[in-house]
Amino acid sequence: MKSIKLDDEFDSSVLNIALDTIKIGKQALVFANTKKSAEKTAEDISKKIKSDDAQLKLLSDKALNVLSKPTKQCERLAFCLKKGIAFHHAGLTQEQKAIIEDNFRNGAIKIICCTPTFLLTGQ
């Protein structure tokens, strides 16, 4: 089996592995114990990515506006989606979950930081 050298640019191994995964054109799920840590991890990864993709901007806007008045969580998800990163947990709306799941399947979203409830959605 071919081994690859992973970058260790950041203090977080999760951040390094996620960014390396994106660099080699792959996707990954990152599991977290809590909703809060799934959101924070997704946000941390997103802050390291430079992206100006129009498709991701549309996804971001769609997720932001599923509620009549976006919450902080909606804003945080929208920020992450602009970079091709998402978080997934029981606190999201069904529409937000569908946006994330569908766009992970089609390759637009590269990393999902999720709680174990993600496994219960049929993935």
PDB file of N, CA and C in Angstrom:
ATOM      1  N   MET A   1       0.844  -1.173   0.000  1.00  0.00           N
ATOM      2  CA  MET A   1       0.000   0.000   0.000  1.00  0.00           C
ATOM      3  C   MET A   1       0.892   1.240   0.000  1.00  0.00           C
ATOM      4  N   LYS A   2       0.606   2.157  -0.847  1.00  0.00           N
ATOM      5  CA  LYS A   2       1.384   3.388  -0.957  1.00  0.00           C
ATOM      6  C   LYS A   2       1.090   4.309   0.232  1.00  0.00           C
ATOM      7  N   SER A   3       2.139   4.816   0.845  1.00  0.00           N
ATOM      8  CA  SER A   3       1.930   5.763   1.943  1.00  0.00           C
ATOM      9  C   SER A   3       2.173   7.184   1.434  1.00  0.00           C
ATOM     10  N   ILE A   4       1.503   8.118   2.058  1.00  0.00           N
ATOM     11  CA  ILE A   4       1.682   9.516   1.683  1.00  0.00           C
ATOM     12  C   ILE A   4       2.116  10.307   2.902  1.00  0.00           C
ATOM     13  N   LYS A   5       2.879  11.330   2.651  1.00  0.00           N
ATOM     14  CA  LYS A   5       3.354  12.214   3.721  1.00  0.00           C
ATOM     15  C   LYS A   5       2.286  13.253   3.989  1.00  0.00           C
ATOM     16  N   LEU A   6       1.841  13.326   5.222  1.00  0.00           N
ATOM     17  CA  LEU A   6       0.846  14.312   5.605  1.00  0.00           C
ATOM     18  C   LEU A   6       1.529  15.575   6.094  1.00  0.00           C
ATOM     19  N   ASP A   7       0.969  16.717   5.738  1.00  0.00           N
ATOM     20  CA  ASP A   7       1.478  17.983   6.249  1.00  0.00           C
ATOM     21  C   ASP A   7       1.150  18.087   7.736  1.00  0.00           C
ATOM     22  N   ASP A   8       2.005  18.748   8.477  1.00  0.00           N
ATOM     23  CA  ASP A   8       1.711  18.998   9.881  1.00  0.00           C
ATOM     24  C   ASP A   8       1.881  20.484  10.173  1.00  0.00           C
ATOM     25  N   GLU A   9       1.221  21.264   9.331  1.00  0.00           N
ATOM     26  CA  GLU A   9       1.314  22.718   9.400  1.00  0.00           C
ATOM     27  C   GLU A   9       0.662  23.297  10.648  1.00  0.00           C
ATOM     28  N   PHE A  10      -0.383  22.652  11.138  1.00  0.00           N
ATOM     29  CA  PHE A  10      -1.148  23.176  12.266  1.00  0.00           C
ATOM     30  C   PHE A  10      -1.014  22.262  13.483  1.00  0.00           C
ATOM     31  N   ASP A  11      -1.335  22.779  14.643  1.00  0.00           N
ATOM     32  CA  ASP A  11      -1.245  22.007  15.884  1.00  0.00           C
ATOM     33  C   ASP A  11      -2.312  20.909  15.975  1.00  0.00           C
ATOM     34  N   SER A  12      -3.351  21.010  15.188  1.00  0.00           N
ATOM     35  CA  SER A  12      -4.454  20.059  15.236  1.00  0.00           C
ATOM     36  C   SER A  12      -4.280  18.986  14.162  1.00  0.00           C
ATOM     37  N   SER A  13      -4.193  17.724  14.594  1.00  0.00           N
ATOM     38  CA  SER A  13      -4.069  16.633  13.620  1.00  0.00           C
ATOM     39  C   SER A  13      -5.334  16.507  12.773  1.00  0.00           C
ATOM     40  N   VAL A  14      -6.492  16.793  13.373  1.00  0.00           N
ATOM     41  CA  VAL A  14      -7.746  16.742  12.614  1.00  0.00           C
ATOM     42  C   VAL A  14      -7.721  17.780  11.490  1.00  0.00           C
ATOM     43  N   LEU A  15      -7.283  18.974  11.801  1.00  0.00           N
ATOM     44  CA  LEU A  15      -7.188  20.035  10.799  1.00  0.00           C
ATOM     45  C   LEU A  15      -6.205  19.642   9.699  1.00  0.00           C
ATOM     46  N   ASN A  16      -5.052  19.121  10.071  1.00  0.00           N
ATOM     47  CA  ASN A  16      -4.051  18.710   9.085  1.00  0.00           C
ATOM     48  C   ASN A  16      -4.578  17.611   8.165  1.00  0.00           C
ATOM     49  N   ILE A  17      -5.210  16.603   8.744  1.00  0.00           N
ATOM     50  CA  ILE A  17      -5.725  15.490   7.941  1.00  0.00           C
ATOM     51  C   ILE A  17      -6.853  15.958   7.027  1.00  0.00           C
ATOM     52  N   ALA A  18      -7.749  16.795   7.539  1.00  0.00           N
ATOM     53  CA  ALA A  18      -8.855  17.298   6.716  1.00  0.00           C
ATOM     54  C   ALA A  18      -8.320  18.098   5.533  1.00  0.00           C
ATOM     55  N   LEU A  19      -7.365  18.973   5.778  1.00  0.00           N
ATOM     56  CA  LEU A  19      -6.804  19.789   4.699  1.00  0.00           C
ATOM     57  C   LEU A  19      -6.022  18.938   3.696  1.00  0.00           C
ATOM     58  N   ASP A  20      -5.306  17.935   4.182  1.00  0.00           N
ATOM     59  CA  ASP A  20      -4.607  17.015   3.275  1.00  0.00           C
ATOM     60  C   ASP A  20      -5.605  16.232   2.425  1.00  0.00           C
ATOM     61  N   THR A  21      -6.703  15.826   3.028  1.00  0.00           N
ATOM     62  CA  THR A  21      -7.741  15.097   2.298  1.00  0.00           C
ATOM     63  C   THR A  21      -8.271  15.940   1.139  1.00  0.00           C
ATOM     64  N   ILE A  22      -8.514  17.205   1.395  1.00  0.00           N
ATOM     65  CA  ILE A  22      -8.997  18.108   0.355  1.00  0.00           C
ATOM     66  C   ILE A  22      -7.930  18.290  -0.724  1.00  0.00           C
ATOM     67  N   LYS A  23      -6.672  18.448  -0.312  1.00  0.00           N
ATOM     68  CA  LYS A  23      -5.571  18.639  -1.272  1.00  0.00           C
ATOM     69  C   LYS A  23      -5.463  17.498  -2.264  1.00  0.00           C
ATOM     70  N   ILE A  24      -5.729  16.275  -1.804  1.00  0.00           N
ATOM     71  CA  ILE A  24      -5.613  15.132  -2.717  1.00  0.00           C
ATOM     72  C   ILE A  24      -6.941  14.826  -3.428  1.00  0.00           C
ATOM     73  N   GLY A  25      -7.909  15.715  -3.272  1.00  0.00           N
ATOM     74  CA  GLY A  25      -9.166  15.587  -4.012  1.00  0.00           C
ATOM     75  C   GLY A  25     -10.133  14.563  -3.473  1.00  0.00           C
ATOM     76  N   LYS A  26     -10.040  14.267  -2.213  1.00  0.00           N
ATOM     77  CA  LYS A  26     -10.930  13.277  -1.598  1.00  0.00           C
ATOM     78  C   LYS A  26     -11.913  13.955  -0.649  1.00  0.00           C
ATOM     79  N   GLN A  27     -12.794  13.148  -0.060  1.00  0.00           N
ATOM     80  CA  GLN A  27     -13.776  13.617   0.909  1.00  0.00           C
ATOM     81  C   GLN A  27     -13.611  12.848   2.212  1.00  0.00           C
ATOM     82  N   ALA A  28     -14.145  13.413   3.303  1.00  0.00           N
ATOM     83  CA  ALA A  28     -14.047  12.725   4.589  1.00  0.00           C
ATOM     84  C   ALA A  28     -15.165  13.147   5.526  1.00  0.00           C
ATOM     85  N   LEU A  29     -15.456  12.252   6.458  1.00  0.00           N
ATOM     86  CA  LEU A  29     -16.332  12.542   7.583  1.00  0.00           C
ATOM     87  C   LEU A  29     -15.442  12.653   8.810  1.00  0.00           C
ATOM     88  N   VAL A  30     -15.681  13.677   9.614  1.00  0.00           N
ATOM     89  CA  VAL A  30     -14.949  13.866  10.861  1.00  0.00           C
ATOM     90  C   VAL A  30     -15.976  13.777  11.978  1.00  0.00           C
ATOM     91  N   PHE A  31     -15.849  12.776  12.834  1.00  0.00           N
ATOM     92  CA  PHE A  31     -16.820  12.607  13.902  1.00  0.00           C
ATOM     93  C   PHE A  31     -16.402  13.363  15.157  1.00  0.00           C
ATOM     94  N   ALA A  32     -17.391  13.982  15.779  1.00  0.00           N
ATOM     95  CA  ALA A  32     -17.187  14.750  17.008  1.00  0.00           C
ATOM     96  C   ALA A  32     -18.209  14.276  18.037  1.00  0.00           C
ATOM     97  N   ASN A  33     -17.899  14.476  19.306  1.00  0.00           N
ATOM     98  CA  ASN A  33     -18.781  14.003  20.371  1.00  0.00           C
ATOM     99  C   ASN A  33     -19.994  14.894  20.606  1.00  0.00           C
ATOM    100  N   THR A  34     -19.868  16.172  20.287  1.00  0.00           N
ATOM    101  CA  THR A  34     -20.967  17.103  20.575  1.00  0.00           C
ATOM    102  C   THR A  34     -21.284  17.966  19.356  1.00  0.00           C
ATOM    103  N   LYS A  35     -22.483  18.539  19.377  1.00  0.00           N
ATOM    104  CA  LYS A  35     -22.874  19.466  18.306  1.00  0.00           C
ATOM    105  C   LYS A  35     -21.902  20.639  18.248  1.00  0.00           C
ATOM    106  N   LYS A  36     -21.591  21.167  19.421  1.00  0.00           N
ATOM    107  CA  LYS A  36     -20.705  22.325  19.506  1.00  0.00           C
ATOM    108  C   LYS A  36     -19.331  22.024  18.911  1.00  0.00           C
ATOM    109  N   SER A  37     -18.783  20.858  19.228  1.00  0.00           N
ATOM    110  CA  SER A  37     -17.447  20.539  18.706  1.00  0.00           C
ATOM    111  C   SER A  37     -17.490  20.227  17.207  1.00  0.00           C
ATOM    112  N   ALA A  38     -18.584  19.670  16.712  1.00  0.00           N
ATOM    113  CA  ALA A  38     -18.724  19.457  15.263  1.00  0.00           C
ATOM    114  C   ALA A  38     -18.729  20.808  14.543  1.00  0.00           C
ATOM    115  N   GLU A  39     -19.479  21.764  15.079  1.00  0.00           N
ATOM    116  CA  GLU A  39     -19.537  23.098  14.475  1.00  0.00           C
ATOM    117  C   GLU A  39     -18.180  23.786  14.530  1.00  0.00           C
ATOM    118  N   LYS A  40     -17.519  23.724  15.676  1.00  0.00           N
ATOM    119  CA  LYS A  40     -16.223  24.395  15.820  1.00  0.00           C
ATOM    120  C   LYS A  40     -15.175  23.797  14.895  1.00  0.00           C
ATOM    121  N   THR A  41     -15.146  22.479  14.798  1.00  0.00           N
ATOM    122  CA  THR A  41     -14.175  21.825  13.919  1.00  0.00           C
ATOM    123  C   THR A  41     -14.408  22.218  12.469  1.00  0.00           C
ATOM    124  N   ALA A  42     -15.670  22.215  12.044  1.00  0.00           N
ATOM    125  CA  ALA A  42     -15.995  22.622  10.668  1.00  0.00           C
ATOM    126  C   ALA A  42     -15.581  24.072  10.420  1.00  0.00           C
ATOM    127  N   GLU A  43     -15.845  24.923  11.383  1.00  0.00           N
ATOM    128  CA  GLU A  43     -15.482  26.328  11.246  1.00  0.00           C
ATOM    129  C   GLU A  43     -13.959  26.501  11.194  1.00  0.00           C
ATOM    130  N   ASP A  44     -13.231  25.775  12.027  1.00  0.00           N
ATOM    131  CA  ASP A  44     -11.765  25.853  12.031  1.00  0.00           C
ATOM    132  C   ASP A  44     -11.191  25.429  10.678  1.00  0.00           C
ATOM    133  N   ILE A  45     -11.716  24.349  10.118  1.00  0.00           N
ATOM    134  CA  ILE A  45     -11.255  23.892   8.803  1.00  0.00           C
ATOM    135  C   ILE A  45     -11.589  24.942   7.740  1.00  0.00           C
ATOM    136  N   SER A  46     -12.805  25.460   7.793  1.00  0.00           N
ATOM    137  CA  SER A  46     -13.263  26.448   6.803  1.00  0.00           C
ATOM    138  C   SER A  46     -12.385  27.690   6.781  1.00  0.00           C
ATOM    139  N   LYS A  47     -11.927  28.110   7.939  1.00  0.00           N
ATOM    140  CA  LYS A  47     -11.094  29.315   8.034  1.00  0.00           C
ATOM    141  C   LYS A  47      -9.761  29.154   7.316  1.00  0.00           C
ATOM    142  N   LYS A  48      -9.346  27.925   7.064  1.00  0.00           N
ATOM    143  CA  LYS A  48      -8.050  27.671   6.417  1.00  0.00           C
ATOM    144  C   LYS A  48      -8.180  27.492   4.902  1.00  0.00           C
ATOM    145  N   ILE A  49      -9.391  27.541   4.385  1.00  0.00           N
ATOM    146  CA  ILE A  49      -9.619  27.275   2.964  1.00  0.00           C
ATOM    147  C   ILE A  49      -9.945  28.566   2.227  1.00  0.00           C
ATOM    148  N   LYS A  50      -9.282  28.725   1.091  1.00  0.00           N
ATOM    149  CA  LYS A  50      -9.596  29.846   0.207  1.00  0.00           C
ATOM    150  C   LYS A  50     -10.468  29.293  -0.911  1.00  0.00           C
ATOM    151  N   SER A  51     -11.679  29.809  -1.020  1.00  0.00           N
ATOM    152  CA  SER A  51     -12.599  29.345  -2.056  1.00  0.00           C
ATOM    153  C   SER A  51     -13.535  30.473  -2.439  1.00  0.00           C
ATOM    154  N   ASP A  52     -13.820  30.535  -3.708  1.00  0.00           N
ATOM    155  CA  ASP A  52     -14.738  31.546  -4.229  1.00  0.00           C
ATOM    156  C   ASP A  52     -15.661  30.885  -5.255  1.00  0.00           C
ATOM    157  N   ASP A  53     -16.131  29.696  -4.932  1.00  0.00           N
ATOM    158  CA  ASP A  53     -16.925  28.884  -5.832  1.00  0.00           C
ATOM    159  C   ASP A  53     -18.385  29.345  -5.837  1.00  0.00           C
ATOM    160  N   ALA A  54     -18.924  29.616  -7.007  1.00  0.00           N
ATOM    161  CA  ALA A  54     -20.303  30.109  -7.138  1.00  0.00           C
ATOM    162  C   ALA A  54     -21.322  29.075  -6.672  1.00  0.00           C
ATOM    163  N   GLN A  55     -21.082  27.787  -6.962  1.00  0.00           N
ATOM    164  CA  GLN A  55     -22.002  26.733  -6.526  1.00  0.00           C
ATOM    165  C   GLN A  55     -22.057  26.673  -4.999  1.00  0.00           C
ATOM    166  N   LEU A  56     -20.902  26.789  -4.359  1.00  0.00           N
ATOM    167  CA  LEU A  56     -20.870  26.753  -2.901  1.00  0.00           C
ATOM    168  C   LEU A  56     -21.550  27.977  -2.300  1.00  0.00           C
ATOM    169  N   LYS A  57     -21.438  29.111  -2.953  1.00  0.00           N
ATOM    170  CA  LYS A  57     -22.121  30.331  -2.499  1.00  0.00           C
ATOM    171  C   LYS A  57     -23.638  30.120  -2.531  1.00  0.00           C
ATOM    172  N   LEU A  58     -24.142  29.494  -3.587  1.00  0.00           N
ATOM    173  CA  LEU A  58     -25.581  29.197  -3.681  1.00  0.00           C
ATOM    174  C   LEU A  58     -26.030  28.243  -2.569  1.00  0.00           C
ATOM    175  N   LEU A  59     -25.228  27.207  -2.304  1.00  0.00           N
ATOM    176  CA  LEU A  59     -25.549  26.279  -1.211  1.00  0.00           C
ATOM    177  C   LEU A  59     -25.586  27.005   0.121  1.00  0.00           C
ATOM    178  N   SER A  60     -24.607  27.875   0.314  1.00  0.00           N
ATOM    179  CA  SER A  60     -24.509  28.659   1.535  1.00  0.00           C
ATOM    180  C   SER A  60     -25.756  29.516   1.735  1.00  0.00           C
ATOM    181  N   ASP A  61     -26.148  30.219   0.698  1.00  0.00           N
ATOM    182  CA  ASP A  61     -27.333  31.073   0.772  1.00  0.00           C
ATOM    183  C   ASP A  61     -28.596  30.258   1.044  1.00  0.00           C
ATOM    184  N   LYS A  62     -28.691  29.098   0.412  1.00  0.00           N
ATOM    185  CA  LYS A  62     -29.863  28.236   0.593  1.00  0.00           C
ATOM    186  C   LYS A  62     -29.960  27.755   2.051  1.00  0.00           C
ATOM    187  N   ALA A  63     -28.838  27.309   2.607  1.00  0.00           N
ATOM    188  CA  ALA A  63     -28.826  26.836   4.000  1.00  0.00           C
ATOM    189  C   ALA A  63     -29.082  27.973   4.984  1.00  0.00           C
ATOM    190  N   LEU A  64     -28.588  29.153   4.658  1.00  0.00           N
ATOM    191  CA  LEU A  64     -28.771  30.319   5.527  1.00  0.00           C
ATOM    192  C   LEU A  64     -30.234  30.704   5.638  1.00  0.00           C
ATOM    193  N   ASN A  65     -30.962  30.547   4.559  1.00  0.00           N
ATOM    194  CA  ASN A  65     -32.326  31.071   4.495  1.00  0.00           C
ATOM    195  C   ASN A  65     -33.428  30.025   4.626  1.00  0.00           C
ATOM    196  N   VAL A  66     -33.129  28.877   5.232  1.00  0.00           N
ATOM    197  CA  VAL A  66     -34.193  27.879   5.420  1.00  0.00           C
ATOM    198  C   VAL A  66     -35.209  28.322   6.470  1.00  0.00           C
ATOM    199  N   LEU A  67     -34.780  29.177   7.370  1.00  0.00           N
ATOM    200  CA  LEU A  67     -35.699  29.728   8.376  1.00  0.00           C
ATOM    201  C   LEU A  67     -36.029  31.166   7.993  1.00  0.00           C
ATOM    202  N   SER A  68     -37.172  31.657   8.447  1.00  0.00           N
ATOM    203  CA  SER A  68     -37.549  33.030   8.110  1.00  0.00           C
ATOM    204  C   SER A  68     -36.560  34.044   8.681  1.00  0.00           C
ATOM    205  N   LYS A  69     -35.982  33.715   9.837  1.00  0.00           N
ATOM    206  CA  LYS A  69     -34.945  34.571  10.433  1.00  0.00           C
ATOM    207  C   LYS A  69     -33.752  33.676  10.767  1.00  0.00           C
ATOM    208  N   PRO A  70     -32.643  33.787  10.013  1.00  0.00           N
ATOM    209  CA  PRO A  70     -31.488  32.917  10.255  1.00  0.00           C
ATOM    210  C   PRO A  70     -30.940  33.052  11.673  1.00  0.00           C
ATOM    211  N   THR A  71     -30.571  31.921  12.241  1.00  0.00           N
ATOM    212  CA  THR A  71     -29.965  31.879  13.574  1.00  0.00           C
ATOM    213  C   THR A  71     -28.443  31.963  13.437  1.00  0.00           C
ATOM    214  N   LYS A  72     -27.761  32.075  14.577  1.00  0.00           N
ATOM    215  CA  LYS A  72     -26.292  32.037  14.577  1.00  0.00           C
ATOM    216  C   LYS A  72     -25.804  30.728  13.965  1.00  0.00           C
ATOM    217  N   GLN A  73     -26.498  29.641  14.272  1.00  0.00           N
ATOM    218  CA  GLN A  73     -26.126  28.340  13.721  1.00  0.00           C
ATOM    219  C   GLN A  73     -26.260  28.340  12.200  1.00  0.00           C
ATOM    220  N   CYS A  74     -27.333  28.935  11.673  1.00  0.00           N
ATOM    221  CA  CYS A  74     -27.512  29.047  10.219  1.00  0.00           C
ATOM    222  C   CYS A  74     -26.363  29.830   9.601  1.00  0.00           C
ATOM    223  N   GLU A  75     -25.975  30.916  10.262  1.00  0.00           N
ATOM    224  CA  GLU A  75     -24.879  31.750   9.760  1.00  0.00           C
ATOM    225  C   GLU A  75     -23.562  30.988   9.785  1.00  0.00           C
ATOM    226  N   ARG A  76     -23.347  30.224  10.832  1.00  0.00           N
ATOM    227  CA  ARG A  76     -22.114  29.443  10.948  1.00  0.00           C
ATOM    228  C   ARG A  76     -22.060  28.364   9.866  1.00  0.00           C
ATOM    229  N   LEU A  77     -23.186  27.689   9.633  1.00  0.00           N
ATOM    230  CA  LEU A  77     -23.251  26.673   8.584  1.00  0.00           C
ATOM    231  C   LEU A  77     -23.011  27.306   7.215  1.00  0.00           C
ATOM    232  N   ALA A  78     -23.633  28.444   6.970  1.00  0.00           N
ATOM    233  CA  ALA A  78     -23.463  29.132   5.686  1.00  0.00           C
ATOM    234  C   ALA A  78     -21.995  29.498   5.444  1.00  0.00           C
ATOM    235  N   PHE A  79     -21.314  29.983   6.488  1.00  0.00           N
ATOM    236  CA  PHE A  79     -19.888  30.311   6.380  1.00  0.00           C
ATOM    237  C   PHE A  79     -19.089  29.081   5.951  1.00  0.00           C
ATOM    238  N   CYS A  80     -19.355  27.957   6.612  1.00  0.00           N
ATOM    239  CA  CYS A  80     -18.627  26.723   6.300  1.00  0.00           C
ATOM    240  C   CYS A  80     -18.927  26.228   4.891  1.00  0.00           C
ATOM    241  N   LEU A  81     -20.193  26.263   4.511  1.00  0.00           N
ATOM    242  CA  LEU A  81     -20.582  25.773   3.185  1.00  0.00           C
ATOM    243  C   LEU A  81     -19.918  26.553   2.058  1.00  0.00           C
ATOM    244  N   LYS A  82     -19.664  27.831   2.252  1.00  0.00           N
ATOM    245  CA  LYS A  82     -18.972  28.625   1.226  1.00  0.00           C
ATOM    246  C   LYS A  82     -17.600  28.053   0.911  1.00  0.00           C
ATOM    247  N   LYS A  83     -17.046  27.291   1.843  1.00  0.00           N
ATOM    248  CA  LYS A  83     -15.713  26.710   1.671  1.00  0.00           C
ATOM    249  C   LYS A  83     -15.757  25.219   1.331  1.00  0.00           C
ATOM    250  N   GLY A  84     -16.969  24.663   1.181  1.00  0.00           N
ATOM    251  CA  GLY A  84     -17.096  23.247   0.875  1.00  0.00           C
ATOM    252  C   GLY A  84     -17.012  22.346   2.098  1.00  0.00           C
ATOM    253  N   ILE A  85     -17.237  22.940   3.261  1.00  0.00           N
ATOM    254  CA  ILE A  85     -17.181  22.221   4.543  1.00  0.00           C
ATOM    255  C   ILE A  85     -18.562  22.344   5.187  1.00  0.00           C
ATOM    256  N   ALA A  86     -18.949  21.339   5.966  1.00  0.00           N
ATOM    257  CA  ALA A  86     -20.247  21.405   6.642  1.00  0.00           C
ATOM    258  C   ALA A  86     -20.149  20.732   8.007  1.00  0.00           C
ATOM    259  N   PHE A  87     -21.128  21.027   8.832  1.00  0.00           N
ATOM    260  CA  PHE A  87     -21.327  20.246  10.054  1.00  0.00           C
ATOM    261  C   PHE A  87     -22.725  19.672   9.970  1.00  0.00           C
ATOM    262  N   HIS A  88     -22.924  18.562  10.658  1.00  0.00           N
ATOM    263  CA  HIS A  88     -24.196  17.837  10.575  1.00  0.00           C
ATOM    264  C   HIS A  88     -24.491  17.264  11.954  1.00  0.00           C
ATOM    265  N   HIS A  89     -25.648  17.641  12.500  1.00  0.00           N
ATOM    266  CA  HIS A  89     -26.063  17.117  13.800  1.00  0.00           C
ATOM    267  C   HIS A  89     -27.569  17.254  13.946  1.00  0.00           C
ATOM    268  N   ALA A  90     -28.096  16.772  15.047  1.00  0.00           N
ATOM    269  CA  ALA A  90     -29.539  16.743  15.268  1.00  0.00           C
ATOM    270  C   ALA A  90     -30.174  18.128  15.364  1.00  0.00           C
ATOM    271  N   GLY A  91     -29.400  19.169  15.561  1.00  0.00           N
ATOM    272  CA  GLY A  91     -29.939  20.518  15.696  1.00  0.00           C
ATOM    273  C   GLY A  91     -30.232  21.228  14.382  1.00  0.00           C
ATOM    274  N   LEU A  92     -29.889  20.610  13.261  1.00  0.00           N
ATOM    275  CA  LEU A  92     -30.155  21.227  11.955  1.00  0.00           C
ATOM    276  C   LEU A  92     -31.569  20.905  11.491  1.00  0.00           C
ATOM    277  N   THR A  93     -32.081  21.735  10.602  1.00  0.00           N
ATOM    278  CA  THR A  93     -33.386  21.436  10.010  1.00  0.00           C
ATOM    279  C   THR A  93     -33.231  20.293   9.011  1.00  0.00           C
ATOM    280  N   GLN A  94     -34.327  19.639   8.694  1.00  0.00           N
ATOM    281  CA  GLN A  94     -34.294  18.562   7.700  1.00  0.00           C
ATOM    282  C   GLN A  94     -33.801  19.093   6.353  1.00  0.00           C
ATOM    283  N   GLU A  95     -34.202  20.301   6.012  1.00  0.00           N
ATOM    284  CA  GLU A  95     -33.768  20.879   4.742  1.00  0.00           C
ATOM    285  C   GLU A  95     -32.253  21.117   4.726  1.00  0.00           C
ATOM    286  N   GLN A  96     -31.702  21.604   5.833  1.00  0.00           N
ATOM    287  CA  GLN A  96     -30.249  21.802   5.917  1.00  0.00           C
ATOM    288  C   GLN A  96     -29.526  20.461   5.819  1.00  0.00           C
ATOM    289  N   LYS A  97     -30.038  19.454   6.508  1.00  0.00           N
ATOM    290  CA  LYS A  97     -29.422  18.124   6.431  1.00  0.00           C
ATOM    291  C   LYS A  97     -29.435  17.596   4.997  1.00  0.00           C
ATOM    292  N   ALA A  98     -30.551  17.782   4.305  1.00  0.00           N
ATOM    293  CA  ALA A  98     -30.654  17.313   2.924  1.00  0.00           C
ATOM    294  C   ALA A  98     -29.658  18.042   2.021  1.00  0.00           C
ATOM    295  N   ILE A  99     -29.522  19.347   2.209  1.00  0.00           N
ATOM    296  CA  ILE A  99     -28.549  20.126   1.425  1.00  0.00           C
ATOM    297  C   ILE A  99     -27.146  19.549   1.632  1.00  0.00           C
ATOM    298  N   ILE A 100     -26.796  19.304   2.873  1.00  0.00           N
ATOM    299  CA  ILE A 100     -25.462  18.788   3.201  1.00  0.00           C
ATOM    300  C   ILE A 100     -25.260  17.386   2.619  1.00  0.00           C
ATOM    301  N   GLU A 101     -26.201  16.490   2.869  1.00  0.00           N
ATOM    302  CA  GLU A 101     -26.063  15.111   2.421  1.00  0.00           C
ATOM    303  C   GLU A 101     -26.023  15.005   0.904  1.00  0.00           C
ATOM    304  N   ASP A 102     -26.933  15.688   0.222  1.00  0.00           N
ATOM    305  CA  ASP A 102     -26.973  15.642  -1.244  1.00  0.00           C
ATOM    306  C   ASP A 102     -25.690  16.184  -1.857  1.00  0.00           C
ATOM    307  N   ASN A 103     -25.176  17.255  -1.292  1.00  0.00           N
ATOM    308  CA  ASN A 103     -23.988  17.885  -1.865  1.00  0.00           C
ATOM    309  C   ASN A 103     -22.690  17.208  -1.444  1.00  0.00           C
ATOM    310  N   PHE A 104     -22.723  16.405  -0.398  1.00  0.00           N
ATOM    311  CA  PHE A 104     -21.579  15.541  -0.099  1.00  0.00           C
ATOM    312  C   PHE A 104     -21.561  14.404  -1.121  1.00  0.00           C
ATOM    313  N   ARG A 105     -22.737  13.840  -1.377  1.00  0.00           N
ATOM    314  CA  ARG A 105     -22.833  12.753  -2.364  1.00  0.00           C
ATOM    315  C   ARG A 105     -22.349  13.195  -3.739  1.00  0.00           C
ATOM    316  N   ASN A 106     -22.696  14.436  -4.147  1.00  0.00           N
ATOM    317  CA  ASN A 106     -22.300  14.876  -5.488  1.00  0.00           C
ATOM    318  C   ASN A 106     -20.897  15.475  -5.529  1.00  0.00           C
ATOM    319  N   GLY A 107     -20.217  15.515  -4.385  1.00  0.00           N
ATOM    320  CA  GLY A 107     -18.822  15.938  -4.346  1.00  0.00           C
ATOM    321  C   GLY A 107     -18.575  17.411  -4.092  1.00  0.00           C
ATOM    322  N   ALA A 108     -19.618  18.216  -3.978  1.00  0.00           N
ATOM    323  CA  ALA A 108     -19.430  19.658  -3.752  1.00  0.00           C
ATOM    324  C   ALA A 108     -18.905  19.928  -2.341  1.00  0.00           C
ATOM    325  N   ILE A 109     -19.388  19.184  -1.369  1.00  0.00           N
ATOM    326  CA  ILE A 109     -18.916  19.310   0.011  1.00  0.00           C
ATOM    327  C   ILE A 109     -17.835  18.261   0.214  1.00  0.00           C
ATOM    328  N   LYS A 110     -16.687  18.718   0.713  1.00  0.00           N
ATOM    329  CA  LYS A 110     -15.530  17.828   0.860  1.00  0.00           C
ATOM    330  C   LYS A 110     -15.403  17.212   2.244  1.00  0.00           C
ATOM    331  N   ILE A 111     -15.774  17.957   3.268  1.00  0.00           N
ATOM    332  CA  ILE A 111     -15.637  17.483   4.645  1.00  0.00           C
ATOM    333  C   ILE A 111     -16.937  17.756   5.399  1.00  0.00           C
ATOM    334  N   ILE A 112     -17.432  16.739   6.089  1.00  0.00           N
ATOM    335  CA  ILE A 112     -18.555  16.936   7.005  1.00  0.00           C
ATOM    336  C   ILE A 112     -18.065  16.592   8.406  1.00  0.00           C
ATOM    337  N   CYS A 113     -18.186  17.539   9.313  1.00  0.00           N
ATOM    338  CA  CYS A 113     -17.910  17.305  10.730  1.00  0.00           C
ATOM    339  C   CYS A 113     -19.251  16.994  11.375  1.00  0.00           C
ATOM    340  N   CYS A 114     -19.372  15.800  11.920  1.00  0.00           N
ATOM    341  CA  CYS A 114     -20.694  15.354  12.356  1.00  0.00           C
ATOM    342  C   CYS A 114     -20.649  14.642  13.692  1.00  0.00           C
ATOM    343  N   THR A 115     -21.821  14.553  14.285  1.00  0.00           N
ATOM    344  CA  THR A 115     -22.000  13.744  15.481  1.00  0.00           C
ATOM    345  C   THR A 115     -22.445  12.357  15.028  1.00  0.00           C
ATOM    346  N   PRO A 116     -22.431  11.376  15.908  1.00  0.00           N
ATOM    347  CA  PRO A 116     -22.842  10.025  15.511  1.00  0.00           C
ATOM    348  C   PRO A 116     -24.274   9.930  14.993  1.00  0.00           C
ATOM    349  N   THR A 117     -25.121  10.930  15.224  1.00  0.00           N
ATOM    350  CA  THR A 117     -26.486  10.896  14.682  1.00  0.00           C
ATOM    351  C   THR A 117     -26.470  10.864  13.159  1.00  0.00           C
ATOM    352  N   PHE A 118     -25.386  11.281  12.547  1.00  0.00           N
ATOM    353  CA  PHE A 118     -25.262  11.244  11.079  1.00  0.00           C
ATOM    354  C   PHE A 118     -25.470   9.825  10.557  1.00  0.00           C
ATOM    355  N   LEU A 119     -25.020   8.849  11.301  1.00  0.00           N
ATOM    356  CA  LEU A 119     -25.161   7.454  10.873  1.00  0.00           C
ATOM    357  C   LEU A 119     -26.607   7.008  10.866  1.00  0.00           C
ATOM    358  N   LEU A 120     -27.456   7.676  11.609  1.00  0.00           N
ATOM    359  CA  LEU A 120     -28.859   7.291  11.691  1.00  0.00           C
ATOM    360  C   LEU A 120     -29.693   7.834  10.541  1.00  0.00           C
ATOM    361  N   THR A 121     -29.107   8.689   9.707  1.00  0.00           N
ATOM    362  CA  THR A 121     -29.871   9.301   8.608  1.00  0.00           C
ATOM    363  C   THR A 121     -29.813   8.477   7.338  1.00  0.00           C
ATOM    364  N   GLY A 122     -29.222   7.294   7.419  1.00  0.00           N
ATOM    365  CA  GLY A 122     -29.199   6.436   6.241  1.00  0.00           C
ATOM    366  C   GLY A 122     -27.944   6.566   5.402  1.00  0.00           C
ATOM    367  N   GLN A 123     -26.907   7.171   5.928  1.00  0.00           N
ATOM    368  CA  GLN A 123     -25.646   7.326   5.165  1.00  0.00           C
ATOM    369  C   GLN A 123     -24.882   6.039   5.140  1.00  0.00           C
TER     370      GLN A 123
END
